[in-house]
Each structure stands twice: as structure tokens, then as C-alpha cells.
């Protein structure tokens, strides 16, 4: 959603048997590369390497709560590093915050 006009900037319609997380890179690709994406907010279903990688590739911040009992990923990519920060931050105050 475009924050200034509240215009929806990307949409994908799926069937019941399609997972949402694999579609996130396609949703981001619906926005031109020259358009800044400040952040991507999603639920824990999007706590996946492919999602974090696509978000970081667009120089955006991921606002995705880690799944329950999440462990840190091997930090081989910028997406994994961003996700590990979320896991560390959620350990102390809890996932609800």
C-alpha cells in the first residue's frame, strides 16, 4: 500500500492450496525498481528465507514476527542477518510485542 495515498500497489489472487510466502517476491516485483519500498509488513507465515531475501534486495525493512520457537539462521545473506535481528529482539520482550 502506498502510504501517502493508501493506494494498493501490489495484489495477487491465489487458490486455497497456494502458499502466500512464495508469492512475496512476485508482489514486490509489481513495483518498479525505481520506486522506494520502505518496509514490508507480514505475519509469521512469511518468515522464510526467500521473503527476507526479496525484501532486502529492494532495500526495504522486513517487519515480520519470527515463528514460535525460531532459531537463528546461518548468516550467509543479508536477508538472514535481518531475520536474525528479529529473532534476537523477540526473545526478551516476547513475540507479542
Protein backbone atom coordinates (compact mmCIF):
# COMPACT_ATOMS: atom_id res chain seq x y z
CA UNK A 1 0.00 0.00 0.00
CA UNK A 2 1.32 3.42 -0.90
CA UNK A 3 1.49 5.33 2.36
CA UNK A 4 0.65 8.80 1.02
CA UNK A 5 -2.50 7.86 -0.92
CA UNK A 6 -3.34 4.48 0.69
CA UNK A 7 -3.33 3.05 -2.83
CA UNK A 8 -2.75 -0.71 -3.06
CA UNK A 9 0.48 -1.18 -5.03
CA UNK A 10 0.54 -4.96 -5.50
CA UNK A 11 -2.01 -7.74 -5.44
CA UNK A 12 -2.05 -11.46 -6.12
CA UNK A 13 -5.14 -13.69 -6.02
CA UNK A 14 -4.49 -17.31 -5.05
CA UNK A 15 -6.39 -20.50 -4.56
CA UNK A 16 -6.69 -22.24 -1.19
CA UNK A 17 -3.84 -24.62 -1.97
CA UNK A 18 -1.27 -21.89 -2.71
CA UNK A 19 1.16 -20.74 -0.06
CA UNK A 20 1.47 -17.00 0.36
CA UNK A 21 5.15 -16.71 1.26
CA UNK A 22 6.45 -17.95 -2.13
CA UNK A 23 4.49 -15.14 -3.81
CA UNK A 24 6.08 -12.27 -1.90
CA UNK A 25 8.95 -11.76 -4.39
CA UNK A 26 6.38 -11.52 -7.22
CA UNK A 27 4.38 -8.96 -5.24
CA UNK A 28 7.48 -6.82 -4.75
CA UNK A 29 8.28 -7.12 -8.46
CA UNK A 30 4.93 -5.49 -9.27
CA UNK A 31 6.52 -2.24 -8.09
CA UNK A 32 9.07 -0.62 -10.43
CA UNK A 33 12.68 -0.90 -9.25
CA UNK A 34 13.00 2.88 -9.09
CA UNK A 35 10.16 3.05 -6.52
CA UNK A 36 11.33 3.01 -2.94
CA UNK A 37 9.76 0.38 -0.69
CA UNK A 38 10.35 1.46 2.90
CA UNK A 39 9.10 -1.64 4.67
CA UNK A 40 7.18 -4.85 4.18
CA UNK A 41 4.84 -5.96 6.95
CA UNK A 42 3.56 -9.52 7.08
CA UNK A 43 2.63 -12.25 9.54
CA UNK A 44 4.86 -15.15 10.62
CA UNK A 45 3.82 -17.22 7.60
CA UNK A 46 6.26 -15.01 5.66
CA UNK A 47 9.17 -15.90 7.98
CA UNK A 48 11.08 -17.53 5.13
CA UNK A 49 14.50 -17.07 3.54
CA UNK A 50 13.03 -16.24 0.15
CA UNK A 51 10.87 -13.49 1.65
CA UNK A 52 13.68 -11.87 3.60
CA UNK A 53 15.97 -12.11 0.58
CA UNK A 54 13.44 -10.38 -1.67
CA UNK A 55 12.78 -7.65 0.87
CA UNK A 56 16.45 -6.91 1.47
CA UNK A 57 17.10 -6.94 -2.30
CA UNK A 58 14.68 -4.00 -2.54
CA UNK A 59 16.49 -2.16 0.29
CA UNK A 60 13.38 -2.40 2.45
CA UNK A 61 12.94 -3.33 6.10
CA UNK A 62 11.15 -6.57 6.96
CA UNK A 63 8.54 -6.31 9.70
CA UNK A 64 7.77 -9.98 10.12
CA UNK A 65 7.47 -11.68 13.50
CA UNK A 66 9.58 -14.84 13.73
CA UNK A 67 7.72 -18.11 14.05
CA UNK A 68 7.26 -19.55 17.51
CA UNK A 69 10.47 -21.19 18.85
CA UNK A 70 12.51 -19.75 15.97
CA UNK A 71 16.23 -20.34 15.84
CA UNK A 72 18.76 -18.06 14.16
CA UNK A 73 19.74 -18.82 10.58
CA UNK A 74 23.29 -19.21 9.41
CA UNK A 75 24.03 -15.59 8.41
CA UNK A 76 25.21 -16.14 4.85
CA UNK A 77 22.97 -13.47 3.34
CA UNK A 78 21.68 -10.01 4.18
CA UNK A 79 18.18 -11.47 4.50
CA UNK A 80 19.35 -13.97 7.12
CA UNK A 81 21.10 -11.23 9.08
CA UNK A 82 17.93 -9.10 9.10
CA UNK A 83 15.83 -12.05 10.22
CA UNK A 84 18.29 -13.00 12.98
CA UNK A 85 17.95 -9.48 14.39
CA UNK A 86 14.18 -10.01 14.62
CA UNK A 87 14.67 -13.37 16.38
CA UNK A 88 17.07 -11.82 18.89
CA UNK A 89 14.80 -8.84 19.51
CA UNK A 90 11.76 -11.06 20.14
CA UNK A 91 13.48 -13.30 22.69
CA UNK A 92 13.41 -10.85 25.55
CA UNK A 93 10.12 -8.96 25.36
CA UNK A 94 8.34 -11.82 23.59
CA UNK A 95 6.74 -12.32 20.18
CA UNK A 96 3.52 -10.48 21.10
CA UNK A 97 5.34 -7.16 21.22
